[in-house]
C-alpha atoms as a PDB file:
ATOM      1  CA  MET A   1     -10.056   0.509  19.036  1.00  0.00           C
ATOM      2  CA  LEU A   2     -11.046  -1.223  15.731  1.00  0.00           C
ATOM      3  CA  PRO A   3      -8.240  -1.733  13.328  1.00  0.00           C
ATOM      4  CA  PHE A   4     -10.610  -1.286  10.295  1.00  0.00           C
ATOM      5  CA  SER A   5     -12.348   1.961  11.232  1.00  0.00           C
ATOM      6  CA  ARG A   6     -13.506   4.279   8.586  1.00  0.00           C
ATOM      7  CA  ARG A   7     -10.934   6.839   9.727  1.00  0.00           C
ATOM      8  CA  THR A   8      -8.068   4.110   9.321  1.00  0.00           C
ATOM      9  CA  ARG A   9      -9.010   3.282   5.864  1.00  0.00           C
ATOM     10  CA  VAL A  10      -8.858   6.984   4.946  1.00  0.00           C
ATOM     11  CA  LEU A  11      -5.593   7.490   6.722  1.00  0.00           C
ATOM     12  CA  LEU A  12      -4.035   4.528   4.547  1.00  0.00           C
ATOM     13  CA  ALA A  13      -5.527   6.040   1.282  1.00  0.00           C
ATOM     14  CA  ALA A  14      -4.059   9.297   2.090  1.00  0.00           C
ATOM     15  CA  ALA A  15      -0.886   7.917   2.795  1.00  0.00           C
ATOM     16  CA  THR A  16      -0.537   6.520  -0.663  1.00  0.00           C
ATOM     17  CA  LEU A  17      -0.739   9.744  -2.364  1.00  0.00           C
ATOM     18  CA  PRO A  18       2.754  11.120  -1.954  1.00  0.00           C
ATOM     19  CA  PHE A  19       3.980   7.511  -3.135  1.00  0.00           C
ATOM     20  CA  VAL A  20       1.719   7.356  -6.214  1.00  0.00           C
ATOM     21  CA  LEU A  21       2.359  11.016  -7.178  1.00  0.00           C
ATOM     22  CA  SER A  22       6.161  10.860  -6.802  1.00  0.00           C
ATOM     23  CA  ALA A  23       6.586   7.536  -8.848  1.00  0.00           C
ATOM     24  CA  CYS A  24       7.733   8.237 -12.364  1.00  0.00           C
ATOM     25  CA  GLY A  25       6.303   6.754 -15.692  1.00  0.00           C
ATOM     26  CA  PRO A  26       2.857   6.479 -17.250  1.00  0.00           C
ATOM     27  CA  SER A  27      -0.009   4.905 -15.720  1.00  0.00           C
ATOM     28  CA  ALA A  28      -1.551   1.602 -17.228  1.00  0.00           C
ATOM     29  CA  ALA A  29      -4.417   3.912 -18.263  1.00  0.00           C
ATOM     30  CA  GLU A  30      -2.306   6.107 -20.216  1.00  0.00           C
ATOM     31  CA  GLY A  31      -0.541   3.727 -22.226  1.00  0.00           C
ATOM     32  CA  GLN A  32      -1.626   0.519 -24.376  1.00  0.00           C
ATOM     33  CA  HIS A  33      -2.005  -2.583 -22.386  1.00  0.00           C
ATOM     34  CA  GLY A  34       1.093  -4.792 -22.920  1.00  0.00           C
ATOM     35  CA  ASP A  35       3.419  -2.620 -24.953  1.00  0.00           C
ATOM     36  CA  ARG A  36       4.970  -0.267 -22.416  1.00  0.00           C
ATOM     37  CA  ASP A  37       8.701   0.036 -22.675  1.00  0.00           C
ATOM     38  CA  PRO A  38       9.735   2.450 -20.040  1.00  0.00           C
ATOM     39  CA  ASP A  39      13.487   3.960 -19.943  1.00  0.00           C
ATOM     40  CA  GLU A  40      13.435   3.428 -15.970  1.00  0.00           C
ATOM     41  CA  LEU A  41      11.855   0.293 -14.251  1.00  0.00           C
ATOM     42  CA  VAL A  42      10.123   1.188 -10.754  1.00  0.00           C
ATOM     43  CA  PHE A  43      10.684  -1.479  -8.035  1.00  0.00           C
ATOM     44  CA  ALA A  44       8.702  -1.100  -4.879  1.00  0.00           C
ATOM     45  CA  SER A  45       8.399  -3.420  -1.665  1.00  0.00           C
ATOM     46  CA  ILE A  46       6.052  -3.711   1.266  1.00  0.00           C
ATOM     47  CA  PRO A  47       7.605  -2.074   4.115  1.00  0.00           C
ATOM     48  CA  SER A  48       8.545  -5.325   6.202  1.00  0.00           C
ATOM     49  CA  GLU A  49      11.709  -3.581   7.577  1.00  0.00           C
ATOM     50  CA  ASP A  50      13.262  -0.142   7.759  1.00  0.00           C
ATOM     51  CA  SER A  51      13.679   1.551   4.185  1.00  0.00           C
ATOM     52  CA  GLY A  52      17.470   2.104   4.558  1.00  0.00           C
ATOM     53  CA  ASP A  53      18.082  -1.552   5.361  1.00  0.00           C
ATOM     54  CA  LEU A  54      15.716  -2.561   2.737  1.00  0.00           C
ATOM     55  CA  GLU A  55      17.475  -0.772   0.029  1.00  0.00           C
ATOM     56  CA  GLN A  56      20.816  -2.192   1.046  1.00  0.00           C
ATOM     57  CA  ASP A  57      19.259  -5.842   1.119  1.00  0.00           C
ATOM     58  CA  TYR A  58      18.033  -5.442  -2.547  1.00  0.00           C
ATOM     59  CA  GLU A  59      20.787  -3.305  -4.128  1.00  0.00           C
ATOM     60  CA  PRO A  60      22.595  -6.557  -5.777  1.00  0.00           C
ATOM     61  CA  LEU A  61      19.196  -7.673  -7.070  1.00  0.00           C
ATOM     62  CA  ILE A  62      18.644  -4.343  -8.568  1.00  0.00           C
ATOM     63  CA  ARG A  63      21.991  -4.095 -10.253  1.00  0.00           C
ATOM     64  CA  MET A  64      21.298  -7.599 -11.520  1.00  0.00           C
ATOM     65  CA  LEU A  65      18.014  -6.565 -13.107  1.00  0.00           C
ATOM     66  CA  GLU A  66      19.777  -3.519 -14.715  1.00  0.00           C
ATOM     67  CA  ARG A  67      22.017  -5.747 -16.449  1.00  0.00           C
ATOM     68  CA  GLU A  68      19.616  -8.240 -17.506  1.00  0.00           C
ATOM     69  CA  THR A  69      17.075  -5.579 -19.022  1.00  0.00           C
ATOM     70  CA  GLY A  70      19.322  -2.776 -19.977  1.00  0.00           C
ATOM     71  CA  LYS A  71      17.228  -0.386 -17.989  1.00  0.00           C
ATOM     72  CA  LYS A  72      17.721   1.789 -14.958  1.00  0.00           C
ATOM     73  CA  VAL A  73      15.929   0.314 -11.876  1.00  0.00           C
ATOM     74  CA  ARG A  74      14.584   2.755  -9.252  1.00  0.00           C
ATOM     75  CA  MET A  75      13.798   1.296  -5.824  1.00  0.00           C
ATOM     76  CA  GLN A  76      10.635   3.498  -4.681  1.00  0.00           C
ATOM     77  CA  LYS A  77      10.099   3.549  -0.914  1.00  0.00           C
ATOM     78  CA  ALA A  78       6.678   2.962   0.055  1.00  0.00           C
ATOM     79  CA  THR A  79       4.767   4.163   3.136  1.00  0.00           C
ATOM     80  CA  ASP A  80       2.559   1.162   3.808  1.00  0.00           C
ATOM     81  CA  TYR A  81       1.346  -1.968   2.031  1.00  0.00           C
ATOM     82  CA  ALA A  82      -1.482   0.000   0.531  1.00  0.00           C
ATOM     83  CA  ALA A  83       0.808   2.431  -1.481  1.00  0.00           C
ATOM     84  CA  VAL A  84       2.573  -0.627  -3.071  1.00  0.00           C
ATOM     85  CA  ILE A  85      -0.817  -2.001  -4.070  1.00  0.00           C
ATOM     86  CA  GLU A  86      -2.239   1.080  -5.414  1.00  0.00           C
ATOM     87  CA  GLY A  87       1.202   1.914  -7.329  1.00  0.00           C
ATOM     88  CA  GLN A  88       1.156  -1.439  -9.328  1.00  0.00           C
ATOM     89  CA  ARG A  89      -2.546  -1.048  -9.859  1.00  0.00           C
ATOM     90  CA  THR A  90      -2.255   2.321 -11.391  1.00  0.00           C
ATOM     91  CA  GLY A  91       0.847   1.351 -13.539  1.00  0.00           C
ATOM     92  CA  LYS A  92       3.253   3.589 -11.351  1.00  0.00           C
ATOM     93  CA  VAL A  93       5.209   0.509 -10.156  1.00  0.00           C
ATOM     94  CA  ASP A  94       6.674  -2.197 -12.643  1.00  0.00           C
ATOM     95  CA  ILE A  95       7.861  -4.787 -10.217  1.00  0.00           C
ATOM     96  CA  ALA A  96       6.570  -5.216  -6.746  1.00  0.00           C
ATOM     97  CA  LEU A  97       7.481  -7.520  -3.667  1.00  0.00           C
ATOM     98  CA  TYR A  98       4.351  -8.383  -1.708  1.00  0.00           C
ATOM     99  CA  GLY A  99       3.454 -10.413   1.048  1.00  0.00           C
ATOM    100  CA  PRO A 100       1.168 -13.219   0.062  1.00  0.00           C
ATOM    101  CA  LEU A 101      -2.009 -11.442   1.192  1.00  0.00           C
ATOM    102  CA  SER A 102      -1.085  -8.128  -0.416  1.00  0.00           C
ATOM    103  CA  TYR A 103      -0.686  -9.828  -3.598  1.00  0.00           C
ATOM    104  CA  VAL A 104      -3.936 -11.242  -3.225  1.00  0.00           C
ATOM    105  CA  VAL A 105      -5.616  -7.919  -2.354  1.00  0.00           C
ATOM    106  CA  ALA A 106      -3.708  -6.294  -5.466  1.00  0.00           C
ATOM    107  CA  GLU A 107      -5.032  -8.807  -7.770  1.00  0.00           C
ATOM    108  CA  ARG A 108      -8.479  -8.732  -6.598  1.00  0.00           C
ATOM    109  CA  ASN A 109      -8.478  -4.749  -6.780  1.00  0.00           C
ATOM    110  CA  GLY A 110      -7.851  -4.732 -10.456  1.00  0.00           C
ATOM    111  CA  ALA A 111      -3.836  -4.739 -10.428  1.00  0.00           C
ATOM    112  CA  GLU A 112      -2.894  -6.674 -13.778  1.00  0.00           C
ATOM    113  CA  ILE A 113       0.094  -8.586 -12.637  1.00  0.00           C
ATOM    114  CA  THR A 114       1.643 -11.802 -12.574  1.00  0.00           C
ATOM    115  CA  PRO A 115       3.692 -13.459  -9.828  1.00  0.00           C
ATOM    116  CA  VAL A 116       6.614 -14.872 -11.061  1.00  0.00           C
ATOM    117  CA  ALA A 117       8.937 -15.738  -8.124  1.00  0.00           C
ATOM    118  CA  ALA A 118       8.767 -16.278  -4.135  1.00  0.00           C
ATOM    119  CA  GLN A 119      11.158 -15.877  -1.450  1.00  0.00           C
ATOM    120  CA  THR A 120      12.566 -19.215  -0.099  1.00  0.00           C
ATOM    121  CA  GLU A 121      14.950 -19.177   2.999  1.00  0.00           C
ATOM    122  CA  GLU A 122      17.463 -21.675   1.751  1.00  0.00           C
ATOM    123  CA  ARG A 123      18.232 -23.286  -1.631  1.00  0.00           C
ATOM    124  CA  GLY A 124      16.192 -26.272  -2.550  1.00  0.00           C
ATOM    125  CA  GLN A 125      13.438 -25.430   0.190  1.00  0.00           C
ATOM    126  CA  ASP A 126       9.935 -24.708  -0.630  1.00  0.00           C
ATOM    127  CA  PRO A 127       9.172 -20.858  -0.742  1.00  0.00           C
ATOM    128  CA  THR A 128       7.486 -20.973   2.597  1.00  0.00           C
ATOM    129  CA  TYR A 129       7.808 -19.152   5.918  1.00  0.00           C
ATOM    130  CA  ARG A 130       5.913 -18.702   9.359  1.00  0.00           C
ATOM    131  CA  SER A 131       4.282 -16.145  11.462  1.00  0.00           C
ATOM    132  CA  TYR A 132       5.477 -15.979  15.034  1.00  0.00           C
ATOM    133  CA  GLY A 133       3.289 -14.995  18.143  1.00  0.00           C
ATOM    134  CA  VAL A 134       6.078 -13.256  20.352  1.00  0.00           C
ATOM    135  CA  VAL A 135       6.177 -11.941  23.825  1.00  0.00           C
ATOM    136  CA  PRO A 136       8.978 -10.410  26.144  1.00  0.00           C
ATOM    137  CA  ALA A 137      11.371 -13.165  27.523  1.00  0.00           C
ATOM    138  CA  ASP A 138      10.037 -12.567  30.908  1.00  0.00           C
ATOM    139  CA  SER A 139       6.249 -12.376  30.193  1.00  0.00           C
ATOM    140  CA  PRO A 140       3.956 -14.934  31.912  1.00  0.00           C
ATOM    141  CA  VAL A 141       2.062 -15.537  28.649  1.00  0.00           C
ATOM    142  CA  GLN A 142       2.621 -19.039  27.511  1.00  0.00           C
ATOM    143  CA  ASP A 143       0.343 -19.241  24.373  1.00  0.00           C
ATOM    144  CA  LEU A 144      -2.217 -17.194  22.365  1.00  0.00           C
ATOM    145  CA  SER A 145      -4.808 -17.533  25.159  1.00  0.00           C
ATOM    146  CA  GLY A 146      -2.634 -15.154  27.263  1.00  0.00           C
ATOM    147  CA  PHE A 147      -2.900 -12.450  24.412  1.00  0.00           C
ATOM    148  CA  ARG A 148      -6.427 -11.906  25.630  1.00  0.00           C
ATOM    149  CA  ASP A 149      -7.129  -8.104  26.849  1.00  0.00           C
ATOM    150  CA  ARG A 150      -3.442  -7.327  26.052  1.00  0.00           C
ATOM    151  CA  GLN A 151      -2.086  -4.469  23.724  1.00  0.00           C
ATOM    152  CA  VAL A 152      -1.020  -6.666  20.858  1.00  0.00           C
ATOM    153  CA  CYS A 153       1.132  -5.345  17.890  1.00  0.00           C
ATOM    154  CA  PHE A 154       0.089  -6.349  14.529  1.00  0.00           C
ATOM    155  CA  VAL A 155       2.033  -5.430  11.331  1.00  0.00           C
ATOM    156  CA  ASP A 156      -0.543  -4.008   8.844  1.00  0.00           C
ATOM    157  CA  PRO A 157      -3.996  -5.176   7.916  1.00  0.00           C
ATOM    158  CA  ASN A 158      -2.732  -6.299   4.542  1.00  0.00           C
ATOM    159  CA  SER A 159       0.012  -8.301   6.055  1.00  0.00           C
ATOM    160  CA  THR A 160       0.015 -12.085   5.739  1.00  0.00           C
ATOM    161  CA  SER A 161       2.006 -13.141   8.659  1.00  0.00           C
ATOM    162  CA  GLY A 162       1.668  -9.901  10.675  1.00  0.00           C
ATOM    163  CA  TYR A 163      -2.154  -9.834  10.552  1.00  0.00           C
ATOM    164  CA  LEU A 164      -4.227 -12.459   8.567  1.00  0.00           C
ATOM    165  CA  TYR A 165      -2.595 -15.704   9.878  1.00  0.00           C
ATOM    166  CA  PRO A 166      -2.547 -14.246  13.382  1.00  0.00           C
ATOM    167  CA  LYS A 167      -6.320 -13.227  13.065  1.00  0.00           C
ATOM    168  CA  ALA A 168      -7.084 -16.647  12.003  1.00  0.00           C
ATOM    169  CA  ALA A 169      -5.118 -18.112  15.090  1.00  0.00           C
ATOM    170  CA  LEU A 170      -6.941 -15.912  17.413  1.00  0.00           C
ATOM    171  CA  LEU A 171     -10.102 -16.719  16.314  1.00  0.00           C
ATOM    172  CA  ASP A 172      -9.494 -20.536  16.669  1.00  0.00           C
ATOM    173  CA  ALA A 173      -8.182 -19.649  20.302  1.00  0.00           C
ATOM    174  CA  GLY A 174     -11.673 -18.131  20.979  1.00  0.00           C
ATOM    175  CA  ILE A 175     -10.328 -14.511  20.791  1.00  0.00           C
ATOM    176  CA  ASP A 176     -11.913 -11.731  18.969  1.00  0.00           C
ATOM    177  CA  PRO A 177      -8.915 -10.154  17.104  1.00  0.00           C
ATOM    178  CA  GLU A 178     -10.729  -6.702  16.933  1.00  0.00           C
ATOM    179  CA  ARG A 179     -12.318  -6.527  20.552  1.00  0.00           C
ATOM    180  CA  GLY A 180     -10.421  -9.319  22.673  1.00  0.00           C
ATOM    181  CA  VAL A 181      -7.255  -7.537  22.366  1.00  0.00           C
ATOM    182  CA  GLN A 182      -6.168  -4.094  22.132  1.00  0.00           C
ATOM    183  CA  PRO A 183      -4.580  -3.933  18.292  1.00  0.00           C
ATOM    184  CA  VAL A 184      -1.714  -1.734  17.414  1.00  0.00           C
ATOM    185  CA  MET A 185      -0.573  -1.541  13.749  1.00  0.00           C
ATOM    186  CA  ALA A 186       3.071  -1.202  13.998  1.00  0.00           C
ATOM    187  CA  GLY A 187       3.868  -0.944  10.246  1.00  0.00           C
ATOM    188  CA  GLY A 188       6.589  -3.322   9.745  1.00  0.00           C
ATOM    189  CA  HIS A 189       7.717  -6.822  11.167  1.00  0.00           C
ATOM    190  CA  ASP A 190      10.722  -5.112  12.785  1.00  0.00           C
ATOM    191  CA  ALA A 191       8.749  -2.330  14.191  1.00  0.00           C
ATOM    192  CA  SER A 192       6.247  -5.012  15.662  1.00  0.00           C
ATOM    193  CA  ALA A 193       8.921  -7.163  17.370  1.00  0.00           C
ATOM    194  CA  LEU A 194      10.844  -4.135  18.450  1.00  0.00           C
ATOM    195  CA  SER A 195       7.733  -2.729  20.145  1.00  0.00           C
ATOM    196  CA  VAL A 196       7.093  -5.996  21.891  1.00  0.00           C
ATOM    197  CA  HIS A 197      10.861  -5.862  23.194  1.00  0.00           C
ATOM    198  CA  GLY A 198      10.376  -2.297  24.132  1.00  0.00           C
ATOM    199  CA  GLY A 199       7.412  -2.645  26.306  1.00  0.00           C
ATOM    200  CA  GLN A 200       4.933  -0.697  23.841  1.00  0.00           C
ATOM    201  CA  CYS A 201       2.888  -3.914  23.298  1.00  0.00           C
ATOM    202  CA  GLY A 202       2.541  -6.847  25.640  1.00  0.00           C
ATOM    203  CA  ALA A 203       2.664  -9.298  22.640  1.00  0.00           C
ATOM    204  CA  GLY A 204       2.922  -9.152  19.030  1.00  0.00           C
ATOM    205  CA  PHE A 205       3.309 -11.020  15.504  1.00  0.00           C
ATOM    206  CA  ALA A 206       6.068 -10.876  13.114  1.00  0.00           C
ATOM    207  CA  GLN A 207       7.624 -12.862  10.408  1.00  0.00           C
ATOM    208  CA  ASP A 208      10.034 -15.687  11.443  1.00  0.00           C
ATOM    209  CA  VAL A 209      13.074 -14.407   9.852  1.00  0.00           C
ATOM    210  CA  MET A 210      12.774 -11.022  11.251  1.00  0.00           C
ATOM    211  CA  VAL A 211      12.699 -12.404  14.934  1.00  0.00           C
ATOM    212  CA  ASP A 212      15.061 -15.381  14.236  1.00  0.00           C
ATOM    213  CA  GLU A 213      17.726 -13.543  11.840  1.00  0.00           C
ATOM    214  CA  LEU A 214      17.364  -9.995  10.790  1.00  0.00           C
ATOM    215  CA  LEU A 215      17.040  -8.088  14.044  1.00  0.00           C
ATOM    216  CA  PRO A 216      19.480 -10.243  16.147  1.00  0.00           C
ATOM    217  CA  GLU A 217      21.986  -9.720  13.109  1.00  0.00           C
ATOM    218  CA  ARG A 218      21.574  -5.943  13.065  1.00  0.00           C
ATOM    219  CA  GLY A 219      21.624  -5.603  16.839  1.00  0.00           C
ATOM    220  CA  GLY A 220      18.241  -4.626  17.183  1.00  0.00           C
ATOM    221  CA  LEU A 221      17.569  -7.104  19.735  1.00  0.00           C
ATOM    222  CA  ALA A 222      18.983 -10.522  20.984  1.00  0.00           C
ATOM    223  CA  ARG A 223      17.429 -13.664  20.161  1.00  0.00           C
ATOM    224  CA  GLU A 224      16.861 -14.462  23.997  1.00  0.00           C
ATOM    225  CA  ASP A 225      14.913 -11.049  24.137  1.00  0.00           C
ATOM    226  CA  LEU A 226      11.701 -12.320  22.845  1.00  0.00           C
ATOM    227  CA  ARG A 227      10.006 -15.792  23.309  1.00  0.00           C
ATOM    228  CA  VAL A 228       7.964 -17.565  20.503  1.00  0.00           C
ATOM    229  CA  VAL A 229       4.783 -18.713  21.971  1.00  0.00           C
ATOM    230  CA  TRP A 230       3.038 -19.364  18.610  1.00  0.00           C
ATOM    231  CA  LYS A 231       4.097 -20.530  15.199  1.00  0.00           C
ATOM    232  CA  SER A 232       1.663 -20.539  11.999  1.00  0.00           C
ATOM    233  CA  ASP A 233       1.468 -23.234   9.445  1.00  0.00           C
ATOM    234  CA  PRO A 234       3.786 -22.673   6.569  1.00  0.00           C
ATOM    235  CA  ILE A 235       2.619 -19.698   4.681  1.00  0.00           C
ATOM    236  CA  PRO A 236       3.618 -19.202   0.717  1.00  0.00           C
ATOM    237  CA  GLY A 237       6.684 -17.201   0.137  1.00  0.00           C
ATOM    238  CA  SER A 238       6.358 -13.468  -0.456  1.00  0.00           C
ATOM    239  CA  PRO A 239       6.241 -12.934  -4.251  1.00  0.00           C
ATOM    240  CA  LEU A 240       7.979 -10.581  -6.789  1.00  0.00           C
ATOM    241  CA  ALA A 241       5.082  -9.499  -9.337  1.00  0.00           C
ATOM    242  CA  VAL A 242       5.654  -8.062 -12.755  1.00  0.00           C
ATOM    243  CA  SER A 243       3.050  -5.574 -14.378  1.00  0.00           C
ATOM    244  CA  ASP A 244       1.293  -7.132 -17.214  1.00  0.00           C
ATOM    245  CA  ASP A 245       1.255  -3.748 -19.171  1.00  0.00           C
ATOM    246  CA  LEU A 246       5.023  -4.151 -20.025  1.00  0.00           C
ATOM    247  CA  ALA A 247       6.104  -5.134 -23.385  1.00  0.00           C
ATOM    248  CA  PRO A 248       6.118  -8.988 -23.614  1.00  0.00           C
ATOM    249  CA  GLN A 249       9.863  -9.019 -24.261  1.00  0.00           C
ATOM    250  CA  LEU A 250      10.580  -6.901 -21.374  1.00  0.00           C
ATOM    251  CA  ARG A 251       8.263  -8.879 -19.193  1.00  0.00           C
ATOM    252  CA  GLU A 252      10.012 -12.185 -20.138  1.00  0.00           C
ATOM    253  CA  LYS A 253      13.480 -10.662 -19.357  1.00  0.00           C
ATOM    254  CA  ILE A 254      12.415  -9.401 -15.818  1.00  0.00           C
ATOM    255  CA  SER A 255      10.574 -12.845 -15.446  1.00  0.00           C
ATOM    256  CA  GLY A 256      13.534 -14.995 -16.296  1.00  0.00           C
ATOM    257  CA  ALA A 257      15.802 -12.876 -14.151  1.00  0.00           C
ATOM    258  CA  LEU A 258      13.951 -13.062 -11.168  1.00  0.00           C
ATOM    259  CA  ARG A 259      13.180 -16.900 -11.511  1.00  0.00           C
ATOM    260  CA  ASP A 260      16.626 -17.989 -12.406  1.00  0.00           C
ATOM    261  CA  LYS A 261      19.141 -15.296 -11.109  1.00  0.00           C
ATOM    262  CA  ALA A 262      17.601 -13.591  -8.052  1.00  0.00           C
ATOM    263  CA  ASN A 263      19.435 -15.706  -5.655  1.00  0.00           C
ATOM    264  CA  ALA A 264      22.471 -15.563  -3.240  1.00  0.00           C
ATOM    265  CA  ASP A 265      24.587 -18.202  -5.537  1.00  0.00           C
ATOM    266  CA  TYR A 266      24.107 -16.184  -8.546  1.00  0.00           C
ATOM    267  CA  LEU A 267      24.536 -12.755  -7.206  1.00  0.00           C
ATOM    268  CA  ARG A 268      27.630 -13.786  -5.557  1.00  0.00           C
ATOM    269  CA  GLU A 269      29.162 -15.913  -8.505  1.00  0.00           C
ATOM    270  CA  ASN A 270      28.521 -12.990 -10.740  1.00  0.00           C
ATOM    271  CA  GLY A 271      30.088 -10.174  -8.560  1.00  0.00           C
ATOM    272  CA  PHE A 272      26.999  -8.435  -7.493  1.00  0.00           C
ATOM    273  CA  CYS A 273      27.858  -8.870  -3.888  1.00  0.00           C
ATOM    274  CA  ALA A 274      30.168 -10.867  -1.440  1.00  0.00           C
ATOM    275  CA  GLY A 275      29.707 -13.016   1.659  1.00  0.00           C
ATOM    276  CA  ASP A 276      26.521 -14.790   2.033  1.00  0.00           C
ATOM    277  CA  CYS A 277      24.316 -12.376  -0.391  1.00  0.00           C
ATOM    278  CA  ARG A 278      21.215 -13.218   1.193  1.00  0.00           C
ATOM    279  CA  THR A 279      18.228 -10.924   0.148  1.00  0.00           C
ATOM    280  CA  GLY A 280      16.358  -9.704   3.202  1.00  0.00           C
ATOM    281  CA  GLY A 281      17.147 -12.665   5.158  1.00  0.00           C
ATOM    282  CA  TYR A 282      16.310 -15.124   2.375  1.00  0.00           C
ATOM    283  CA  TRP A 283      18.544 -17.282   0.010  1.00  0.00           C
ATOM    284  CA  GLY A 284      16.509 -15.791  -2.882  1.00  0.00           C
ATOM    285  CA  PHE A 285      13.460 -16.497  -5.311  1.00  0.00           C
ATOM    286  CA  VAL A 286      12.138 -19.496  -6.863  1.00  0.00           C
ATOM    287  CA  PRO A 287       9.402 -19.767  -9.574  1.00  0.00           C
ATOM    288  CA  VAL A 288       5.622 -19.597  -8.536  1.00  0.00           C
ATOM    289  CA  ASP A 289       2.225 -18.841 -10.218  1.00  0.00           C
ATOM    290  CA  ASP A 290      -1.097 -17.441  -9.075  1.00  0.00           C
ATOM    291  CA  HIS A 291      -2.147 -21.089  -7.756  1.00  0.00           C
ATOM    292  CA  THR A 292       0.602 -20.898  -5.107  1.00  0.00           C
ATOM    293  CA  PHE A 293      -1.562 -18.341  -3.201  1.00  0.00           C
ATOM    294  CA  ASP A 294      -4.565 -20.378  -3.128  1.00  0.00           C
ATOM    295  CA  SER A 295      -4.089 -21.378   0.557  1.00  0.00           C
ATOM    296  CA  VAL A 296      -3.913 -17.671   1.583  1.00  0.00           C
ATOM    297  CA  ARG A 297      -7.451 -17.133  -0.189  1.00  0.00           C
ATOM    298  CA  ASP A 298      -8.843 -20.276   1.845  1.00  0.00           C
ATOM    299  CA  VAL A 299      -7.551 -18.398   5.008  1.00  0.00           C
ATOM    300  CA  CYS A 300      -9.301 -15.252   3.670  1.00  0.00           C
ATOM    301  CA  ALA A 301     -12.438 -17.444   3.268  1.00  0.00           C
ATOM    302  CA  THR A 302     -12.317 -18.815   6.827  1.00  0.00           C
ATOM    303  CA  THR A 303     -11.704 -15.374   8.626  1.00  0.00           C
ATOM    304  CA  ARG A 304     -13.826 -13.525   6.253  1.00  0.00           C
ATOM    305  CA  ASP A 305     -11.436 -10.769   6.478  1.00  0.00           C
ATOM    306  CA  GLU A 306     -12.486  -7.395   4.881  1.00  0.00           C
ATOM    307  CA  GLN A 307      -8.982  -6.687   3.653  1.00  0.00           C
ATOM    308  CA  CYS A 308      -8.992  -9.892   1.549  1.00  0.00           C
ATOM    309  CA  THR A 309     -11.256  -8.177  -0.813  1.00  0.00           C
ATOM    310  CA  THR A 310     -11.243  -4.357  -0.177  1.00  0.00           C
ATOM    311  CA  GLY A 311      -7.517  -3.681   0.267  1.00  0.00           C
END
């Protein structure tokens, strides 16, 4: 089964329709570029985890943005990566949390957006993370060569750590990622890891923080339930991108808040949350720009992955 069949692309496109139509606010085409000042801002995220957990994780950040901008901020549930890309490309989404690859895809497909900040796991660290290749703890598989001919869970064709970097690694191991394994698109990093744990896939890929922290903390699985047999090189952190068609003063308020205040220390010290106040398992966000994601573009060139250009 090929993951990039025409049928799959049609289904992905169709899945974006409810999301796009339900989002409020005028499209970029309906307003003048660079002067849109809506009463409500729409924040969307790629579905890396269950939407209920996602909303809970980002609730302090959303409240901080509301105070900084004086606007109501609504978190929009997205069905898949393509929905977020299309939502921001058409001006229905004002702020989006992407994976590095989905940001590159959005930018290449006409989304007028600027990446302003990216996730970092700890204060003072570079904004990077890794992809893990995982198998059940009792699996005989020891490395990627053992993925051959198995049912393998990926996340989404537009996922960086859940597809692009694993694809490059499989190719490097001499395995065709479309024909040398039986690919399954799980839809989220949590779903991919849980499918491996549950036996639906013999192996799979997911981001490090999902395997190391989020699922064990939430009781989805224990750390010893999965064994990591491959780790990617560091990947640029997932970016928050702001739509360029917003009014300059509003864009600057949003960008400044995301660069300087979207972190556990600020959110806790200013009463937006209590405890460790981590957002999606991360300490928070730090400033980045478009060049941060050049290494992702390099992997795109190496793999010649069609998702890098067509979305």
